[in-house]
Amino acid sequence: TSPAPPSVVKLSRSRRFQATAAALAEASGQEHQVVSARLISALSLLT
């Protein structure tokens, strides 16, 4: 597993990303931290 690309790291630190992760966590019934980590992983794979 390679580290997250710089653009994904920068994105993940933004308030908008955190708000998006929180909304997705609420919609899915999962913890915010879990959803945030999965989003970072998915965006890294997409890169």
All heavy atoms as atom14 arrays in JSON, in Angstrom:
{
  "sequence": "TSPAPPSVVKLSRSRRFQATAAALAEASGQEHQVVSARLISALSLLT",
  "atom14_mask": [
    [1, 1, 1, 1, 1, 1, 1, 0, 0, 0, 0, 0, 0, 0],
    [1, 1, 1, 1, 1, 1, 0, 0, 0, 0, 0, 0, 0, 0],
    [1, 1, 1, 1, 1, 1, 1, 0, 0, 0, 0, 0, 0, 0],
    [1, 1, 1, 1, 1, 0, 0, 0, 0, 0, 0, 0, 0, 0],
    [1, 1, 1, 1, 1, 1, 1, 0, 0, 0, 0, 0, 0, 0],
    [1, 1, 1, 1, 1, 1, 1, 0, 0, 0, 0, 0, 0, 0],
    [1, 1, 1, 1, 1, 1, 0, 0, 0, 0, 0, 0, 0, 0],
    [1, 1, 1, 1, 1, 1, 1, 0, 0, 0, 0, 0, 0, 0],
    [1, 1, 1, 1, 1, 1, 1, 0, 0, 0, 0, 0, 0, 0],
    [1, 1, 1, 1, 1, 1, 1, 1, 1, 0, 0, 0, 0, 0],
    [1, 1, 1, 1, 1, 1, 1, 1, 0, 0, 0, 0, 0, 0],
    [1, 1, 1, 1, 1, 1, 0, 0, 0, 0, 0, 0, 0, 0],
    [1, 1, 1, 1, 1, 1, 1, 1, 1, 1, 1, 0, 0, 0],
    [1, 1, 1, 1, 1, 1, 0, 0, 0, 0, 0, 0, 0, 0],
    [1, 1, 1, 1, 1, 1, 1, 1, 1, 1, 1, 0, 0, 0],
    [1, 1, 1, 1, 1, 1, 1, 1, 1, 1, 1, 0, 0, 0],
    [1, 1, 1, 1, 1, 1, 1, 1, 1, 1, 1, 0, 0, 0],
    [1, 1, 1, 1, 1, 1, 1, 1, 1, 0, 0, 0, 0, 0],
    [1, 1, 1, 1, 1, 0, 0, 0, 0, 0, 0, 0, 0, 0],
    [1, 1, 1, 1, 1, 1, 1, 0, 0, 0, 0, 0, 0, 0],
    [1, 1, 1, 1, 1, 0, 0, 0, 0, 0, 0, 0, 0, 0],
    [1, 1, 1, 1, 1, 0, 0, 0, 0, 0, 0, 0, 0, 0],
    [1, 1, 1, 1, 1, 0, 0, 0, 0, 0, 0, 0, 0, 0],
    [1, 1, 1, 1, 1, 1, 1, 1, 0, 0, 0, 0, 0, 0],
    [1, 1, 1, 1, 1, 0, 0, 0, 0, 0, 0, 0, 0, 0],
    [1, 1, 1, 1, 1, 1, 1, 1, 1, 0, 0, 0, 0, 0],
    [1, 1, 1, 1, 1, 0, 0, 0, 0, 0, 0, 0, 0, 0],
    [1, 1, 1, 1, 1, 1, 0, 0, 0, 0, 0, 0, 0, 0],
    [1, 1, 1, 1, 0, 0, 0, 0, 0, 0, 0, 0, 0, 0],
    [1, 1, 1, 1, 1, 1, 1, 1, 1, 0, 0, 0, 0, 0],
    [1, 1, 1, 1, 1, 1, 1, 1, 1, 0, 0, 0, 0, 0],
    [1, 1, 1, 1, 1, 1, 1, 1, 1, 1, 0, 0, 0, 0],
    [1, 1, 1, 1, 1, 1, 1, 1, 1, 0, 0, 0, 0, 0],
    [1, 1, 1, 1, 1, 1, 1, 0, 0, 0, 0, 0, 0, 0],
    [1, 1, 1, 1, 1, 1, 1, 0, 0, 0, 0, 0, 0, 0],
    [1, 1, 1, 1, 1, 1, 0, 0, 0, 0, 0, 0, 0, 0],
    [1, 1, 1, 1, 1, 0, 0, 0, 0, 0, 0, 0, 0, 0],
    [1, 1, 1, 1, 1, 1, 1, 1, 1, 1, 1, 0, 0, 0],
    [1, 1, 1, 1, 1, 1, 1, 1, 0, 0, 0, 0, 0, 0],
    [1, 1, 1, 1, 1, 1, 1, 1, 0, 0, 0, 0, 0, 0],
    [1, 1, 1, 1, 1, 1, 0, 0, 0, 0, 0, 0, 0, 0],
    [1, 1, 1, 1, 1, 0, 0, 0, 0, 0, 0, 0, 0, 0],
    [1, 1, 1, 1, 1, 1, 1, 1, 0, 0, 0, 0, 0, 0],
    [1, 1, 1, 1, 1, 1, 0, 0, 0, 0, 0, 0, 0, 0],
    [1, 1, 1, 1, 1, 1, 1, 1, 0, 0, 0, 0, 0, 0],
    [1, 1, 1, 1, 1, 1, 1, 1, 0, 0, 0, 0, 0, 0],
    [1, 1, 1, 1, 1, 1, 1, 0, 0, 0, 0, 0, 0, 0]
  ],
  "atom14_positions": [
    [[0.85, -1.17, 0.0], [0.0, 0.0, 0.0], [0.89, 1.23, 0.0], [1.74, 1.39, 0.86], [-0.91, 0.01, 1.24], [-1.65, -1.2, 1.26], [-1.84, 1.18, 1.23], [0.0, 0.0, 0.0], [0.0, 0.0, 0.0], [0.0, 0.0, 0.0], [0.0, 0.0, 0.0], [0.0, 0.0, 0.0], [0.0, 0.0, 0.0], [0.0, 0.0, 0.0]],
    [[0.68, 2.08, -0.97], [1.5, 3.28, -1.06], [0.81, 4.41, -0.31], [-0.41, 4.38, -0.12], [1.73, 3.66, -2.52], [0.49, 3.8, -3.19], [0.0, 0.0, 0.0], [0.0, 0.0, 0.0], [0.0, 0.0, 0.0], [0.0, 0.0, 0.0], [0.0, 0.0, 0.0], [0.0, 0.0, 0.0], [0.0, 0.0, 0.0], [0.0, 0.0, 0.0]],
    [[1.57, 5.4, 0.13], [0.95, 6.52, 0.85], [0.0, 7.28, -0.07], [0.12, 7.23, -1.29], [2.14, 7.38, 1.27], [3.29, 6.93, 0.46], [3.0, 5.54, -0.02], [0.0, 0.0, 0.0], [0.0, 0.0, 0.0], [0.0, 0.0, 0.0], [0.0, 0.0, 0.0], [0.0, 0.0, 0.0], [0.0, 0.0, 0.0], [0.0, 0.0, 0.0]],
    [[-0.93, 7.97, 0.55], [-1.89, 8.76, -0.23], [-1.15, 9.83, -1.02], [-0.2, 10.45, -0.51], [-2.9, 9.41, 0.71], [0.0, 0.0, 0.0], [0.0, 0.0, 0.0], [0.0, 0.0, 0.0], [0.0, 0.0, 0.0], [0.0, 0.0, 0.0], [0.0, 0.0, 0.0], [0.0, 0.0, 0.0], [0.0, 0.0, 0.0], [0.0, 0.0, 0.0]],
    [[-1.57, 10.07, -2.26], [-0.93, 11.11, -3.08], [-1.1, 12.48, -2.42], [-2.08, 12.72, -1.7], [-1.69, 11.04, -4.4], [-2.36, 9.72, -4.41], [-2.61, 9.36, -2.98], [0.0, 0.0, 0.0], [0.0, 0.0, 0.0], [0.0, 0.0, 0.0], [0.0, 0.0, 0.0], [0.0, 0.0, 0.0], [0.0, 0.0, 0.0], [0.0, 0.0, 0.0]],
    [[-0.17, 13.4, -2.69], [-0.24, 14.74, -2.07], [-1.58, 15.45, -2.29], [-2.08, 16.09, -1.38], [0.9, 15.5, -2.74], [1.88, 14.44, -3.15], [1.04, 13.25, -3.5], [0.0, 0.0, 0.0], [0.0, 0.0, 0.0], [0.0, 0.0, 0.0], [0.0, 0.0, 0.0], [0.0, 0.0, 0.0], [0.0, 0.0, 0.0], [0.0, 0.0, 0.0]],
    [[-2.17, 15.32, -3.47], [-3.44, 16.01, -3.71], [-4.55, 15.45, -2.84], [-5.43, 16.18, -2.39], [-3.84, 15.93, -5.2], [-4.12, 14.59, -5.57], [0.0, 0.0, 0.0], [0.0, 0.0, 0.0], [0.0, 0.0, 0.0], [0.0, 0.0, 0.0], [0.0, 0.0, 0.0], [0.0, 0.0, 0.0], [0.0, 0.0, 0.0], [0.0, 0.0, 0.0]],
    [[-4.51, 14.15, -2.56], [-5.53, 13.53, -1.7], [-5.29, 13.93, -0.25], [-6.25, 14.22, 0.49], [-5.53, 11.99, -1.87], [-6.48, 11.33, -0.88], [-5.9, 11.61, -3.3], [0.0, 0.0, 0.0], [0.0, 0.0, 0.0], [0.0, 0.0, 0.0], [0.0, 0.0, 0.0], [0.0, 0.0, 0.0], [0.0, 0.0, 0.0], [0.0, 0.0, 0.0]],
    [[-4.03, 13.98, 0.18], [-3.72, 14.41, 1.55], [-4.21, 15.84, 1.76], [-4.88, 16.14, 2.75], [-2.2, 14.31, 1.83], [-1.85, 14.95, 3.15], [-1.75, 12.86, 1.79], [0.0, 0.0, 0.0], [0.0, 0.0, 0.0], [0.0, 0.0, 0.0], [0.0, 0.0, 0.0], [0.0, 0.0, 0.0], [0.0, 0.0, 0.0], [0.0, 0.0, 0.0]],
    [[-3.91, 16.73, 0.81], [-4.34, 18.13, 0.92], [-5.86, 18.21, 0.98], [-6.42, 18.91, 1.81], [-3.8, 18.93, -0.26], [-4.19, 20.39, -0.22], [-3.64, 21.14, -1.42], [-4.14, 22.58, -1.39], [-3.74, 23.31, -2.58], [0.0, 0.0, 0.0], [0.0, 0.0, 0.0], [0.0, 0.0, 0.0], [0.0, 0.0, 0.0], [0.0, 0.0, 0.0]],
    [[-6.52, 17.48, 0.1], [-7.98, 17.48, 0.06], [-8.56, 16.99, 1.38], [-9.51, 17.58, 1.91], [-8.45, 16.58, -1.08], [-9.95, 16.43, -1.25], [-10.5, 17.64, -2.0], [-10.27, 15.15, -1.99], [0.0, 0.0, 0.0], [0.0, 0.0, 0.0], [0.0, 0.0, 0.0], [0.0, 0.0, 0.0], [0.0, 0.0, 0.0], [0.0, 0.0, 0.0]],
    [[-7.99, 15.91, 1.92], [-8.54, 15.3, 3.13], [-8.43, 16.2, 4.36], [-9.12, 15.99, 5.34], [-7.86, 13.97, 3.41], [-6.52, 14.17, 3.81], [0.0, 0.0, 0.0], [0.0, 0.0, 0.0], [0.0, 0.0, 0.0], [0.0, 0.0, 0.0], [0.0, 0.0, 0.0], [0.0, 0.0, 0.0], [0.0, 0.0, 0.0], [0.0, 0.0, 0.0]],
    [[-7.57, 17.19, 4.31], [-7.4, 18.1, 5.44], [-8.37, 19.28, 5.4], [-8.42, 20.07, 6.35], [-5.97, 18.6, 5.48], [-4.99, 17.51, 5.84], [-3.59, 18.03, 5.9], [-2.69, 16.94, 6.33], [-1.4, 16.95, 6.15], [-0.82, 17.98, 5.56], [-0.66, 15.94, 6.56], [0.0, 0.0, 0.0], [0.0, 0.0, 0.0], [0.0, 0.0, 0.0]],
    [[-9.11, 19.41, 4.32], [-10.01, 20.56, 4.19], [-11.3, 20.36, 4.99], [-11.72, 19.24, 5.26], [-10.36, 20.78, 2.71], [-11.2, 19.74, 2.24], [0.0, 0.0, 0.0], [0.0, 0.0, 0.0], [0.0, 0.0, 0.0], [0.0, 0.0, 0.0], [0.0, 0.0, 0.0], [0.0, 0.0, 0.0], [0.0, 0.0, 0.0], [0.0, 0.0, 0.0]],
    [[-11.9, 21.46, 5.36], [-13.16, 21.42, 6.1], [-14.26, 20.8, 5.23], [-15.11, 20.07, 5.73], [-13.57, 22.82, 6.53], [-12.72, 23.35, 7.65], [-13.2, 24.69, 8.1], [-12.27, 25.21, 9.09], [-12.29, 26.43, 9.54], [-13.18, 27.27, 9.1], [-11.41, 26.81, 10.44], [0.0, 0.0, 0.0], [0.0, 0.0, 0.0], [0.0, 0.0, 0.0]],
    [[-14.22, 21.11, 3.95], [-15.26, 20.58, 3.05], [-15.18, 19.05, 2.97], [-16.21, 18.37, 2.97], [-15.1, 21.2, 1.66], [-16.19, 20.78, 0.71], [-16.09, 21.51, -0.61], [-17.02, 20.94, -1.58], [-17.03, 21.25, -2.85], [-16.18, 22.13, -3.33], [-17.88, 20.68, -3.67], [0.0, 0.0, 0.0], [0.0, 0.0, 0.0], [0.0, 0.0, 0.0]],
    [[-13.97, 18.51, 2.91], [-13.82, 17.06, 2.89], [-14.37, 16.46, 4.17], [-15.1, 15.47, 4.13], [-12.34, 16.67, 2.73], [-12.12, 15.18, 2.74], [-12.13, 14.45, 1.56], [-11.88, 14.5, 3.94], [-11.94, 13.07, 1.57], [-11.68, 13.12, 3.95], [-11.71, 12.42, 2.76], [0.0, 0.0, 0.0], [0.0, 0.0, 0.0], [0.0, 0.0, 0.0]],
    [[-14.02, 17.04, 5.32], [-14.49, 16.52, 6.6], [-16.01, 16.59, 6.69], [-16.65, 15.67, 7.2], [-13.83, 17.27, 7.76], [-12.33, 17.02, 7.87], [-11.98, 15.55, 8.01], [-12.65, 14.8, 8.71], [-10.93, 15.12, 7.32], [0.0, 0.0, 0.0], [0.0, 0.0, 0.0], [0.0, 0.0, 0.0], [0.0, 0.0, 0.0], [0.0, 0.0, 0.0]],
    [[-16.6, 17.67, 6.17], [-18.06, 17.79, 6.17], [-18.68, 16.74, 5.25], [-19.72, 16.14, 5.59], [-18.47, 19.19, 5.74], [0.0, 0.0, 0.0], [0.0, 0.0, 0.0], [0.0, 0.0, 0.0], [0.0, 0.0, 0.0], [0.0, 0.0, 0.0], [0.0, 0.0, 0.0], [0.0, 0.0, 0.0], [0.0, 0.0, 0.0], [0.0, 0.0, 0.0]],
    [[-18.05, 16.5, 4.11], [-18.55, 15.49, 3.17], [-18.46, 14.1, 3.8], [-19.4, 13.31, 3.71], [-17.76, 15.54, 1.85], [-17.91, 16.84, 1.28], [-18.24, 14.49, 0.87], [0.0, 0.0, 0.0], [0.0, 0.0, 0.0], [0.0, 0.0, 0.0], [0.0, 0.0, 0.0], [0.0, 0.0, 0.0], [0.0, 0.0, 0.0], [0.0, 0.0, 0.0]],
    [[-17.33, 13.81, 4.44], [-17.15, 12.51, 5.1], [-18.19, 12.35, 6.22], [-18.75, 11.26, 6.39], [-15.73, 12.38, 5.65], [0.0, 0.0, 0.0], [0.0, 0.0, 0.0], [0.0, 0.0, 0.0], [0.0, 0.0, 0.0], [0.0, 0.0, 0.0], [0.0, 0.0, 0.0], [0.0, 0.0, 0.0], [0.0, 0.0, 0.0], [0.0, 0.0, 0.0]],
    [[-18.46, 13.42, 6.94], [-19.46, 13.36, 8.02], [-20.84, 13.08, 7.45], [-21.6, 12.28, 8.0], [-19.46, 14.67, 8.8], [0.0, 0.0, 0.0], [0.0, 0.0, 0.0], [0.0, 0.0, 0.0], [0.0, 0.0, 0.0], [0.0, 0.0, 0.0], [0.0, 0.0, 0.0], [0.0, 0.0, 0.0], [0.0, 0.0, 0.0], [0.0, 0.0, 0.0]],
    [[-21.18, 13.72, 6.32], [-22.48, 13.49, 5.7], [-22.6, 12.04, 5.2], [-23.64, 11.4, 5.38], [-22.69, 14.47, 4.54], [0.0, 0.0, 0.0], [0.0, 0.0, 0.0], [0.0, 0.0, 0.0], [0.0, 0.0, 0.0], [0.0, 0.0, 0.0], [0.0, 0.0, 0.0], [0.0, 0.0, 0.0], [0.0, 0.0, 0.0], [0.0, 0.0, 0.0]],
    [[-21.53, 11.53, 4.6], [-21.55, 10.15, 4.13], [-21.62, 9.17, 5.3], [-22.28, 8.14, 5.21], [-20.32, 9.86, 3.27], [-20.31, 10.53, 1.89], [-18.96, 10.37, 1.23], [-21.41, 9.96, 1.01], [0.0, 0.0, 0.0], [0.0, 0.0, 0.0], [0.0, 0.0, 0.0], [0.0, 0.0, 0.0], [0.0, 0.0, 0.0], [0.0, 0.0, 0.0]],
    [[-20.94, 9.5, 6.4], [-20.98, 8.64, 7.59], [-22.39, 8.59, 8.15], [-22.89, 7.52, 8.5], [-19.99, 9.16, 8.64], [0.0, 0.0, 0.0], [0.0, 0.0, 0.0], [0.0, 0.0, 0.0], [0.0, 0.0, 0.0], [0.0, 0.0, 0.0], [0.0, 0.0, 0.0], [0.0, 0.0, 0.0], [0.0, 0.0, 0.0], [0.0, 0.0, 0.0]],
    [[-23.03, 9.74, 8.2], [-24.4, 9.79, 8.72], [-25.35, 9.0, 7.81], [-26.19, 8.24, 8.29], [-24.87, 11.24, 8.83], [-26.22, 11.37, 9.49], [-26.62, 12.81, 9.71], [-25.74, 13.67, 9.85], [-27.84, 13.07, 9.73], [0.0, 0.0, 0.0], [0.0, 0.0, 0.0], [0.0, 0.0, 0.0], [0.0, 0.0, 0.0], [0.0, 0.0, 0.0]],
    [[-25.19, 9.16, 6.51], [-26.06, 8.46, 5.56], [-25.87, 6.95, 5.61], [-26.82, 6.19, 5.41], [-25.8, 8.97, 4.14], [0.0, 0.0, 0.0], [0.0, 0.0, 0.0], [0.0, 0.0, 0.0], [0.0, 0.0, 0.0], [0.0, 0.0, 0.0], [0.0, 0.0, 0.0], [0.0, 0.0, 0.0], [0.0, 0.0, 0.0], [0.0, 0.0, 0.0]],
    [[-24.65, 6.51, 5.93], [-24.35, 5.08, 5.93], [-24.43, 4.45, 7.32], [-24.36, 3.23, 7.45], [-22.96, 4.83, 5.36], [-21.96, 5.37, 6.21], [0.0, 0.0, 0.0], [0.0, 0.0, 0.0], [0.0, 0.0, 0.0], [0.0, 0.0, 0.0], [0.0, 0.0, 0.0], [0.0, 0.0, 0.0], [0.0, 0.0, 0.0], [0.0, 0.0, 0.0]],
    [[-24.52, 5.3, 8.36], [-24.57, 4.78, 9.72], [-23.22, 4.29, 10.23], [-23.15, 3.51, 11.17], [0.0, 0.0, 0.0], [0.0, 0.0, 0.0], [0.0, 0.0, 0.0], [0.0, 0.0, 0.0], [0.0, 0.0, 0.0], [0.0, 0.0, 0.0], [0.0, 0.0, 0.0], [0.0, 0.0, 0.0], [0.0, 0.0, 0.0], [0.0, 0.0, 0.0]],
    [[-22.15, 4.74, 9.59], [-20.8, 4.35, 9.99], [-20.13, 5.51, 10.73], [-20.59, 6.64, 10.68], [-19.97, 3.97, 8.77], [-20.52, 2.79, 8.01], [-19.68, 2.48, 6.78], [-18.47, 2.63, 6.8], [-20.34, 2.07, 5.72], [0.0, 0.0, 0.0], [0.0, 0.0, 0.0], [0.0, 0.0, 0.0], [0.0, 0.0, 0.0], [0.0, 0.0, 0.0]],
    [[-19.0, 5.2, 11.37], [-18.25, 6.23, 12.07], [-17.56, 7.15, 11.07], [-17.08, 6.71, 10.02], [-17.19, 5.6, 12.97], [-17.76, 4.86, 14.15], [-16.66, 4.32, 15.05], [-15.58, 4.94, 15.13], [-16.88, 3.27, 15.67], [0.0, 0.0, 0.0], [0.0, 0.0, 0.0], [0.0, 0.0, 0.0], [0.0, 0.0, 0.0], [0.0, 0.0, 0.0]],
    [[-17.49, 8.43, 11.41], [-16.86, 9.44, 10.55], [-15.43, 9.05, 10.21], [-15.0, 9.14, 9.05], [-16.9, 10.8, 11.25], [-16.2, 11.88, 10.5], [-14.86, 12.14, 10.67], [-16.63, 12.75, 9.55], [-14.5, 13.13, 9.88], [-15.57, 13.52, 9.2], [0.0, 0.0, 0.0], [0.0, 0.0, 0.0], [0.0, 0.0, 0.0], [0.0, 0.0, 0.0]],
    [[-14.68, 8.61, 11.2], [-13.27, 8.27, 11.0], [-13.11, 7.12, 10.01], [-12.22, 7.12, 9.17], [-12.65, 7.89, 12.36], [-11.16, 7.9, 12.4], [-10.66, 7.67, 13.82], [-11.37, 7.15, 14.68], [-9.43, 8.07, 14.06], [0.0, 0.0, 0.0], [0.0, 0.0, 0.0], [0.0, 0.0, 0.0], [0.0, 0.0, 0.0], [0.0, 0.0, 0.0]],
    [[-14.0, 6.15, 10.08], [-13.95, 5.01, 9.16], [-14.25, 5.46, 7.74], [-13.55, 5.1, 6.79], [-14.95, 3.91, 9.6], [-15.09, 2.83, 8.55], [-14.53, 3.31, 10.94], [0.0, 0.0, 0.0], [0.0, 0.0, 0.0], [0.0, 0.0, 0.0], [0.0, 0.0, 0.0], [0.0, 0.0, 0.0], [0.0, 0.0, 0.0], [0.0, 0.0, 0.0]],
    [[-15.29, 6.27, 7.57], [-15.67, 6.76, 6.24], [-14.55, 7.63, 5.67], [-14.19, 7.5, 4.5], [-17.0, 7.54, 6.3], [-17.28, 8.24, 4.98], [-18.14, 6.59, 6.66], [0.0, 0.0, 0.0], [0.0, 0.0, 0.0], [0.0, 0.0, 0.0], [0.0, 0.0, 0.0], [0.0, 0.0, 0.0], [0.0, 0.0, 0.0], [0.0, 0.0, 0.0]],
    [[-13.97, 8.49, 6.49], [-12.88, 9.35, 6.03], [-11.69, 8.51, 5.54], [-11.15, 8.76, 4.46], [-12.43, 10.27, 7.17], [-11.41, 11.13, 6.74], [0.0, 0.0, 0.0], [0.0, 0.0, 0.0], [0.0, 0.0, 0.0], [0.0, 0.0, 0.0], [0.0, 0.0, 0.0], [0.0, 0.0, 0.0], [0.0, 0.0, 0.0], [0.0, 0.0, 0.0]],
    [[-11.32, 7.48, 6.3], [-10.2, 6.62, 5.91], [-10.51, 5.88, 4.61], [-9.65, 5.74, 3.74], [-9.88, 5.63, 7.02], [0.0, 0.0, 0.0], [0.0, 0.0, 0.0], [0.0, 0.0, 0.0], [0.0, 0.0, 0.0], [0.0, 0.0, 0.0], [0.0, 0.0, 0.0], [0.0, 0.0, 0.0], [0.0, 0.0, 0.0], [0.0, 0.0, 0.0]],
    [[-11.75, 5.42, 4.46], [-12.13, 4.7, 3.24], [-12.15, 5.63, 2.03], [-11.78, 5.23, 0.93], [-13.48, 4.03, 3.43], [-13.4, 2.83, 4.34], [-14.7, 2.13, 4.48], [-14.52, 0.94, 5.31], [-15.51, 0.3, 5.89], [-16.75, 0.72, 5.75], [-15.27, -0.76, 6.63], [0.0, 0.0, 0.0], [0.0, 0.0, 0.0], [0.0, 0.0, 0.0]],
    [[-12.59, 6.86, 2.23], [-12.56, 7.83, 1.13], [-11.13, 8.11, 0.68], [-10.84, 8.15, -0.51], [-13.23, 9.14, 1.55], [-14.74, 9.18, 1.54], [-15.23, 10.5, 2.13], [-15.28, 9.01, 0.13], [0.0, 0.0, 0.0], [0.0, 0.0, 0.0], [0.0, 0.0, 0.0], [0.0, 0.0, 0.0], [0.0, 0.0, 0.0], [0.0, 0.0, 0.0]],
    [[-10.24, 8.3, 1.64], [-8.84, 8.56, 1.33], [-8.25, 7.38, 0.56], [-7.56, 7.56, -0.45], [-8.04, 8.85, 2.61], [-8.47, 10.19, 3.21], [-6.53, 8.84, 2.34], [-8.02, 10.42, 4.63], [0.0, 0.0, 0.0], [0.0, 0.0, 0.0], [0.0, 0.0, 0.0], [0.0, 0.0, 0.0], [0.0, 0.0, 0.0], [0.0, 0.0, 0.0]],
    [[-8.55, 6.19, 1.01], [-8.06, 4.99, 0.34], [-8.62, 4.88, -1.08], [-7.89, 4.59, -2.03], [-8.44, 3.76, 1.16], [-8.02, 2.59, 0.52], [0.0, 0.0, 0.0], [0.0, 0.0, 0.0], [0.0, 0.0, 0.0], [0.0, 0.0, 0.0], [0.0, 0.0, 0.0], [0.0, 0.0, 0.0], [0.0, 0.0, 0.0], [0.0, 0.0, 0.0]],
    [[-9.91, 5.12, -1.23], [-10.54, 5.03, -2.56], [-9.98, 6.08, -3.51], [-9.7, 5.77, -4.68], [-12.05, 5.19, -2.42], [0.0, 0.0, 0.0], [0.0, 0.0, 0.0], [0.0, 0.0, 0.0], [0.0, 0.0, 0.0], [0.0, 0.0, 0.0], [0.0, 0.0, 0.0], [0.0, 0.0, 0.0], [0.0, 0.0, 0.0], [0.0, 0.0, 0.0]],
    [[-9.8, 7.3, -3.04], [-9.25, 8.35, -3.89], [-7.8, 8.05, -4.26], [-7.37, 8.34, -5.38], [-9.38, 9.71, -3.22], [-10.81, 10.21, -3.01], [-10.81, 11.53, -2.24], [-11.57, 10.34, -4.31], [0.0, 0.0, 0.0], [0.0, 0.0, 0.0], [0.0, 0.0, 0.0], [0.0, 0.0, 0.0], [0.0, 0.0, 0.0], [0.0, 0.0, 0.0]],
    [[-7.07, 7.45, -3.34], [-5.68, 7.06, -3.63], [-5.65, 5.99, -4.72], [-4.82, 6.06, -5.64], [-4.99, 6.55, -2.37], [-4.91, 7.58, -1.41], [0.0, 0.0, 0.0], [0.0, 0.0, 0.0], [0.0, 0.0, 0.0], [0.0, 0.0, 0.0], [0.0, 0.0, 0.0], [0.0, 0.0, 0.0], [0.0, 0.0, 0.0], [0.0, 0.0, 0.0]],
    [[-6.54, 5.01, -4.62], [-6.61, 3.97, -5.65], [-7.03, 4.54, -6.99], [-6.52, 4.13, -8.04], [-7.59, 2.87, -5.22], [-7.12, 1.98, -4.08], [-8.25, 1.06, -3.62], [-5.91, 1.16, -4.49], [0.0, 0.0, 0.0], [0.0, 0.0, 0.0], [0.0, 0.0, 0.0], [0.0, 0.0, 0.0], [0.0, 0.0, 0.0], [0.0, 0.0, 0.0]],
    [[-7.93, 5.5, -6.97], [-8.36, 6.15, -8.2], [-7.2, 6.9, -8.85], [-7.04, 6.88, -10.07], [-9.54, 7.09, -7.91], [-10.22, 7.74, -9.1], [-10.72, 6.69, -10.09], [-11.38, 8.61, -8.63], [0.0, 0.0, 0.0], [0.0, 0.0, 0.0], [0.0, 0.0, 0.0], [0.0, 0.0, 0.0], [0.0, 0.0, 0.0], [0.0, 0.0, 0.0]],
    [[-6.38, 7.53, -8.02], [-5.2, 8.23, -8.54], [-4.28, 7.25, -9.26], [-3.78, 7.52, -10.35], [-4.43, 8.94, -7.41], [-5.3, 9.88, -6.79], [-3.21, 9.65, -7.91], [0.0, 0.0, 0.0], [0.0, 0.0, 0.0], [0.0, 0.0, 0.0], [0.0, 0.0, 0.0], [0.0, 0.0, 0.0], [0.0, 0.0, 0.0], [0.0, 0.0, 0.0]]
  ]
}
